[in-house]
Amino acid sequence: MAFKQTPLIAQYLSVKQRVPDAILFFRLGDFYEMFFEDAEVGARVLDIQLTSRNKDGVPLCGVPYHSAEPYIAKLLKAGHKVAICEQGTPDPRTPKLMPRQIVRVITPGTVGEEMVLTAAEKNYLLTIVHAGDGFAVAALDVSTGEFLVTQIRDVSNLVEEVARIAPREIVIAGPDGNLGTILKDLNCPVTTVDGETFTVDRATAAVANRVADAAPALDESIVRAAGIALNYVEETFGHDLAHLESPRLYQSAEYMAVDETTRRHLELIASTDDWFRPVYLTLGPDGALYICDMYRKTIEHPAYPTPHEKTGS
């Protein structure tokens, strides 16, 4: 489609090339506008009108900036990333074109806002790396700070563990060998980061800098998985991460295995019609989160702390 490249569209394209895999929310006055393919995707997912700019014929759609959270949540639920581009103070040299820059990239696995998450939801970001014949896995929930790591011995157990954790996003470092093929049918967004950027040394440094006491006790492959998760979240989250816990090593053998079909049929967390969830019989969001956590883990060792033990009450 032919269009006229105005100064604004040239600025948009310059910003967009930095986040080619995200839906760009481009601030224009009181709206976040989406252009080109982003507008087509946004209009379809958000069920809003797709139109075009009179000046240049570029497809566009938009949402009010002061009530953007529900729209962002809907895009994240659909598996998309959202990049927020804000406008700055006008430059006297170019008074008609306000400076703009990306202030945050929100991905399905790095969102922590209550507007996006319900009380009973975990929001795990999962990183997976090869570890000999098996895999190392790190699960990080930026909304609660929970940080879990483990090793998985084979593909079938990896697939089951991913289904049990139910992450919002999976991150792998390229080249990924056969990981991309293994994960493609798991109904979860997969982000492949540059393996040369997310190196073993950088991952190890990330873990050592944040939790120096934990790194020596963990296998190198687990440290890399945990470090990739930390680096990825630090680059995209846009908020302070002081609330993150130290990585806690667990073994899948600690839990009684309940396969995905059984978990789905029990309907404790999500029902087929999404009308009634037994988990909401708990008193408050903390109780709902705890029950969801225990349900995903099924039956753990009796030493697992109760909610009162966790809070010291």
Protein backbone atom coordinates (compact mmCIF):
# COMPACT_ATOMS: atom_id res chain seq x y z
CA MET A 1 0.00 0.00 0.00
CA ALA A 2 1.40 3.39 -1.04
CA PHE A 3 1.61 6.10 1.59
CA LYS A 4 3.20 9.49 2.01
CA GLN A 5 6.10 9.49 4.49
CA THR A 6 5.45 12.56 6.60
CA PRO A 7 7.88 13.63 9.37
CA LEU A 8 5.61 11.96 11.96
CA ILE A 9 5.51 8.65 10.09
CA ALA A 10 9.27 8.81 9.58
CA GLN A 11 9.65 9.23 13.35
CA TYR A 12 7.27 6.36 13.98
CA LEU A 13 9.18 4.04 11.64
CA SER A 14 12.44 4.98 13.34
CA VAL A 15 11.02 4.01 16.73
CA LYS A 16 9.24 0.92 15.45
CA GLN A 17 12.43 -0.63 14.06
CA ARG A 18 13.71 -0.95 17.64
CA VAL A 19 10.75 -3.16 18.62
CA PRO A 20 9.79 -5.09 15.47
CA ASP A 21 8.16 -7.90 17.45
CA ALA A 22 5.96 -5.66 19.65
CA ILE A 23 2.75 -3.70 19.16
CA LEU A 24 3.92 -0.08 19.40
CA PHE A 25 1.69 2.26 21.44
CA PHE A 26 2.83 5.58 19.93
CA ARG A 27 1.72 8.55 22.03
CA LEU A 28 -0.06 11.30 20.10
CA GLY A 29 -1.69 13.79 22.43
CA ASP A 30 -4.31 12.00 24.51
CA PHE A 31 -4.09 8.73 22.58
CA TYR A 32 -1.76 5.82 22.00
CA GLU A 33 -1.89 5.26 18.26
CA MET A 34 -1.00 2.10 16.33
CA PHE A 35 0.01 2.24 12.66
CA PHE A 36 0.42 -0.15 9.71
CA GLU A 37 0.37 -3.87 10.64
CA ASP A 38 0.20 -3.00 14.35
CA ALA A 39 -3.04 -1.13 13.68
CA GLU A 40 -4.52 -4.10 11.82
CA VAL A 41 -3.63 -6.48 14.64
CA GLY A 42 -4.73 -4.03 17.31
CA ALA A 43 -8.09 -3.35 15.69
CA ARG A 44 -8.78 -7.08 15.35
CA VAL A 45 -7.71 -8.11 18.88
CA LEU A 46 -9.17 -5.07 20.65
CA ASP A 47 -12.31 -4.90 18.53
CA ILE A 48 -11.86 -1.21 17.75
CA GLN A 49 -12.22 0.70 14.50
CA LEU A 50 -9.43 0.58 11.94
CA THR A 51 -9.13 3.83 10.00
CA SER A 52 -6.41 5.77 8.17
CA ARG A 53 -4.70 9.13 8.37
CA ASN A 54 -5.98 11.67 5.86
CA LYS A 55 -2.51 13.17 5.38
CA ASP A 56 -0.69 10.00 4.36
CA GLY A 57 -3.18 7.12 4.04
CA VAL A 58 -1.49 5.06 6.76
CA PRO A 59 -3.75 2.53 8.56
CA LEU A 60 -4.26 3.45 12.21
CA CYS A 61 -6.27 2.79 15.33
CA GLY A 62 -5.89 4.17 18.84
CA VAL A 63 -6.87 3.99 22.50
CA PRO A 64 -7.02 6.75 25.17
CA TYR A 65 -3.74 6.94 27.06
CA HIS A 66 -5.45 7.47 30.44
CA SER A 67 -7.39 4.19 30.14
CA ALA A 68 -4.93 2.07 28.16
CA GLU A 69 -4.46 -0.70 30.74
CA PRO A 70 -7.45 -2.87 29.72
CA TYR A 71 -6.35 -2.70 26.07
CA ILE A 72 -2.79 -3.62 26.99
CA ALA A 73 -4.11 -6.51 29.07
CA LYS A 74 -6.13 -7.79 26.13
CA LEU A 75 -3.12 -7.71 23.81
CA LEU A 76 -0.98 -9.50 26.40
CA LYS A 77 -3.65 -12.16 26.89
CA ALA A 78 -3.53 -12.71 23.13
CA GLY A 79 0.24 -13.31 23.39
CA HIS A 80 1.49 -9.97 22.03
CA LYS A 81 4.18 -7.68 23.42
CA VAL A 82 3.38 -3.98 23.84
CA ALA A 83 5.98 -1.20 23.58
CA ILE A 84 5.02 2.13 25.19
CA CYS A 85 6.37 5.17 23.37
CA GLU A 86 5.86 8.49 25.18
CA GLN A 87 6.22 12.05 23.91
CA GLY A 88 8.63 14.49 25.50
CA THR A 89 9.12 18.24 25.67
CA PRO A 90 8.99 19.96 22.27
CA ASP A 91 12.36 20.77 20.69
CA PRO A 92 12.60 24.46 19.65
CA ARG A 93 14.45 23.35 16.51
CA THR A 94 11.53 21.15 15.41
CA PRO A 95 8.49 22.66 17.18
CA LYS A 96 5.97 20.78 15.04
CA LEU A 97 7.38 17.33 15.90
CA MET A 98 7.60 16.33 19.55
CA PRO A 99 10.46 14.01 20.58
CA ARG A 100 9.34 10.46 21.44
CA GLN A 101 11.03 7.46 22.98
CA ILE A 102 10.18 3.97 24.20
CA VAL A 103 9.86 3.94 27.99
CA ARG A 104 8.86 0.32 28.49
CA VAL A 105 8.27 -2.94 26.68
CA ILE A 106 5.58 -5.07 28.32
CA THR A 107 5.57 -8.78 27.51
CA PRO A 108 3.12 -11.49 28.66
CA GLY A 109 5.67 -12.76 31.19
CA THR A 110 6.92 -9.43 32.58
CA VAL A 111 3.71 -7.69 33.58
CA GLY A 112 3.03 -6.99 37.24
CA GLU A 113 0.11 -4.56 37.25
CA GLU A 114 -3.06 -5.48 39.12
CA MET A 115 -5.09 -4.02 36.27
CA VAL A 116 -3.76 -6.79 34.01
CA LEU A 117 -3.65 -9.68 36.50
CA THR A 118 -6.55 -11.12 38.48
CA ALA A 119 -6.14 -11.95 42.15
CA ALA A 120 -5.73 -15.70 41.59
CA GLU A 121 -3.30 -15.49 38.69
CA LYS A 122 0.35 -16.34 38.67
CA ASN A 123 2.33 -14.72 35.89
CA TYR A 124 5.37 -16.89 35.28
CA LEU A 125 8.09 -16.07 32.83
CA LEU A 126 9.87 -19.33 31.99
CA THR A 127 13.41 -19.60 30.65
CA ILE A 128 14.75 -22.90 29.35
CA VAL A 129 18.29 -23.89 28.37
CA HIS A 130 19.86 -27.19 27.39
CA ALA A 131 21.67 -29.03 30.21
CA GLY A 132 23.43 -32.08 28.78
CA ASP A 133 20.68 -34.49 27.70
CA GLY A 134 18.12 -32.57 29.73
CA PHE A 135 17.09 -29.00 30.44
CA ALA A 136 17.47 -26.30 33.09
CA VAL A 137 14.37 -24.23 33.83
CA ALA A 138 13.82 -20.95 35.68
CA ALA A 139 10.33 -19.67 36.51
CA LEU A 140 10.06 -16.02 37.58
CA ASP A 141 6.88 -14.19 38.58
CA VAL A 142 7.56 -10.45 38.62
CA SER A 143 4.17 -9.71 40.20
CA THR A 144 5.03 -11.63 43.39
CA GLY A 145 8.84 -11.94 43.21
CA GLU A 146 8.73 -15.74 43.28
CA PHE A 147 11.77 -17.30 41.59
CA LEU A 148 11.98 -21.09 41.05
CA VAL A 149 14.66 -23.16 39.31
CA THR A 150 14.96 -26.85 38.48
CA GLN A 151 16.42 -29.41 36.09
CA ILE A 152 14.34 -31.63 33.81
CA ARG A 153 15.75 -34.90 32.54
CA ASP A 154 14.00 -35.31 29.17
CA VAL A 155 11.58 -33.82 26.63
CA SER A 156 8.41 -35.52 27.90
CA ASN A 157 9.02 -34.28 31.45
CA LEU A 158 9.82 -30.80 30.13
CA VAL A 159 6.52 -30.63 28.25
CA GLU A 160 4.62 -31.77 31.34
CA GLU A 161 6.42 -29.28 33.58
CA VAL A 162 5.67 -26.41 31.20
CA ALA A 163 1.99 -27.44 31.18
CA ARG A 164 1.96 -27.61 34.99
CA ILE A 165 3.58 -24.20 35.47
CA ALA A 166 1.42 -22.64 32.72
CA PRO A 167 3.76 -19.71 31.99
CA ARG A 168 2.60 -16.56 30.22
CA GLU A 169 5.81 -16.40 28.20
CA ILE A 170 8.78 -18.67 27.48
CA VAL A 171 12.23 -17.22 26.74
CA ILE A 172 14.99 -19.21 25.06
CA ALA A 173 18.41 -18.09 23.84
CA GLY A 174 19.34 -18.74 20.22
CA PRO A 175 20.55 -20.85 18.61
CA ASP A 176 18.04 -23.04 20.45
CA GLY A 177 18.73 -26.47 18.93
CA ASN A 178 15.41 -28.31 19.00
CA LEU A 179 13.80 -26.22 21.75
CA GLY A 180 11.74 -24.16 19.34
CA THR A 181 10.28 -27.33 17.82
CA ILE A 182 9.53 -28.82 21.25
CA LEU A 183 7.74 -25.69 22.45
CA LYS A 184 5.80 -24.69 19.34
CA ASP A 185 2.65 -26.66 20.20
CA LEU A 186 2.41 -25.64 23.88
CA ASN A 187 0.07 -22.68 23.32
CA CYS A 188 2.43 -20.19 24.94
CA PRO A 189 4.29 -17.23 23.40
CA VAL A 190 7.97 -18.07 22.87
CA THR A 191 10.58 -15.30 22.70
CA THR A 192 14.01 -16.13 21.28
CA VAL A 193 16.72 -13.76 22.49
CA ASP A 194 20.15 -13.31 20.99
CA GLY A 195 22.46 -15.99 22.39
CA GLU A 196 25.47 -13.74 21.85
CA THR A 197 23.89 -11.05 24.02
CA PHE A 198 22.46 -13.38 26.68
CA THR A 199 25.73 -15.24 27.23
CA VAL A 200 26.69 -17.63 30.02
CA ASP A 201 29.03 -15.01 31.50
CA ARG A 202 26.39 -12.31 31.47
CA ALA A 203 23.79 -14.65 32.97
CA THR A 204 26.19 -15.73 35.72
CA ALA A 205 27.01 -12.10 36.51
CA ALA A 206 23.31 -11.24 36.73
CA VAL A 207 22.68 -13.97 39.30
CA ALA A 208 25.85 -13.15 41.25
CA ASN A 209 25.04 -9.43 41.35
CA ARG A 210 21.51 -9.95 42.63
CA VAL A 211 21.84 -13.07 44.80
CA ALA A 212 25.54 -13.69 45.36
CA ASP A 213 24.93 -16.39 47.95
CA ALA A 214 22.76 -18.47 45.61
CA ALA A 215 25.00 -18.74 42.54
CA PRO A 216 27.73 -21.07 43.94
CA ALA A 217 25.11 -23.59 45.10
CA LEU A 218 23.46 -23.95 41.69
CA ASP A 219 24.46 -25.94 38.62
CA GLU A 220 25.93 -23.84 35.80
CA SER A 221 22.99 -24.57 33.50
CA ILE A 222 20.50 -23.47 36.17
CA VAL A 223 22.51 -20.28 36.75
CA ARG A 224 22.33 -19.54 33.03
CA ALA A 225 18.55 -20.09 32.92
CA ALA A 226 18.09 -17.88 36.00
CA GLY A 227 20.44 -15.22 34.62
CA ILE A 228 18.65 -15.07 31.28
CA ALA A 229 15.37 -14.56 33.14
CA LEU A 230 16.87 -11.75 35.22
CA ASN A 231 18.48 -10.02 32.23
CA TYR A 232 15.31 -10.26 30.17
CA VAL A 233 13.11 -8.89 32.95
CA GLU A 234 15.54 -6.08 33.74
CA GLU A 235 15.48 -4.98 30.10
CA THR A 236 11.70 -5.04 29.74
CA PHE A 237 10.00 -4.60 33.12
CA GLY A 238 10.72 -0.89 33.61
CA HIS A 239 10.27 -0.94 37.40
CA ASP A 240 12.39 -1.64 40.45
CA LEU A 241 13.04 -5.37 40.96
CA ALA A 242 14.12 -5.28 44.60
CA HIS A 243 11.16 -7.51 45.50
CA LEU A 244 12.53 -10.53 43.61
CA GLU A 245 13.38 -13.51 45.80
CA SER A 246 16.52 -15.64 45.56
CA PRO A 247 16.19 -18.59 43.17
CA ARG A 248 14.70 -21.58 45.01
CA LEU A 249 15.74 -24.99 43.72
CA TYR A 250 12.98 -27.59 43.59
CA GLN A 251 12.68 -31.13 42.24
CA SER A 252 9.61 -32.19 40.28
CA ALA A 253 9.75 -35.48 42.23
CA GLU A 254 8.67 -33.49 45.31
CA TYR A 255 5.17 -33.35 43.88
CA MET A 256 2.54 -35.93 43.11
CA ALA A 257 2.15 -35.87 39.34
CA VAL A 258 -1.28 -34.91 38.03
CA ASP A 259 -1.40 -34.89 34.25
CA GLU A 260 -2.73 -31.96 32.24
CA THR A 261 -5.99 -33.72 31.29
CA THR A 262 -6.83 -34.37 34.96
CA ARG A 263 -5.94 -30.81 35.94
CA ARG A 264 -8.20 -29.47 33.23
CA HIS A 265 -11.13 -31.71 34.21
CA LEU A 266 -10.91 -30.75 37.90
CA GLU A 267 -11.58 -27.11 36.93
CA LEU A 268 -10.26 -25.75 40.22
CA ILE A 269 -8.45 -22.80 38.68
CA ALA A 270 -10.22 -22.29 35.35
CA SER A 271 -13.63 -23.62 34.38
CA THR A 272 -14.81 -24.34 30.87
CA ASP A 273 -17.33 -21.48 31.00
CA ASP A 274 -15.17 -19.26 33.26
CA TRP A 275 -18.21 -18.63 35.47
CA PHE A 276 -17.36 -20.42 38.72
CA ARG A 277 -13.92 -21.16 40.11
CA PRO A 278 -13.72 -22.89 43.50
CA VAL A 279 -10.50 -21.02 44.20
CA TYR A 280 -12.52 -17.81 44.69
CA LEU A 281 -14.15 -19.30 47.79
CA THR A 282 -10.93 -18.35 49.59
CA LEU A 283 -10.80 -15.21 51.68
CA GLY A 284 -8.98 -12.55 49.70
CA PRO A 285 -6.38 -12.54 46.92
CA ASP A 286 -3.60 -13.98 49.09
CA GLY A 287 -5.64 -17.10 49.77
CA ALA A 288 -6.54 -17.47 46.11
CA LEU A 289 -2.90 -17.14 45.07
CA TYR A 290 -1.82 -19.68 47.66
CA ILE A 291 -4.43 -22.24 46.54
CA CYS A 292 -3.49 -21.69 42.89
CA ASP A 293 0.16 -22.18 43.79
CA MET A 294 -0.52 -25.40 45.67
CA TYR A 295 -2.78 -26.65 42.91
CA ARG A 296 -0.12 -26.13 40.26
CA LYS A 297 2.38 -27.90 42.47
CA THR A 298 -0.26 -30.51 43.41
CA ILE A 299 0.88 -32.31 46.58
CA GLU A 300 4.28 -31.31 47.86
CA HIS A 301 6.34 -32.44 50.83
CA PRO A 302 4.45 -31.82 54.13
CA ALA A 303 7.12 -29.29 55.12
CA TYR A 304 5.72 -26.81 52.58
CA PRO A 305 4.72 -23.74 54.65
CA THR A 306 1.11 -22.78 55.20
CA PRO A 307 -0.04 -19.19 54.47
CA HIS A 308 0.22 -18.37 58.21
CA GLU A 309 3.73 -19.80 58.39
CA LYS A 310 4.72 -17.74 55.33
CA THR A 311 3.49 -14.48 56.89
CA GLY A 312 4.55 -15.34 60.41
CA SER A 313 1.00 -14.77 61.70
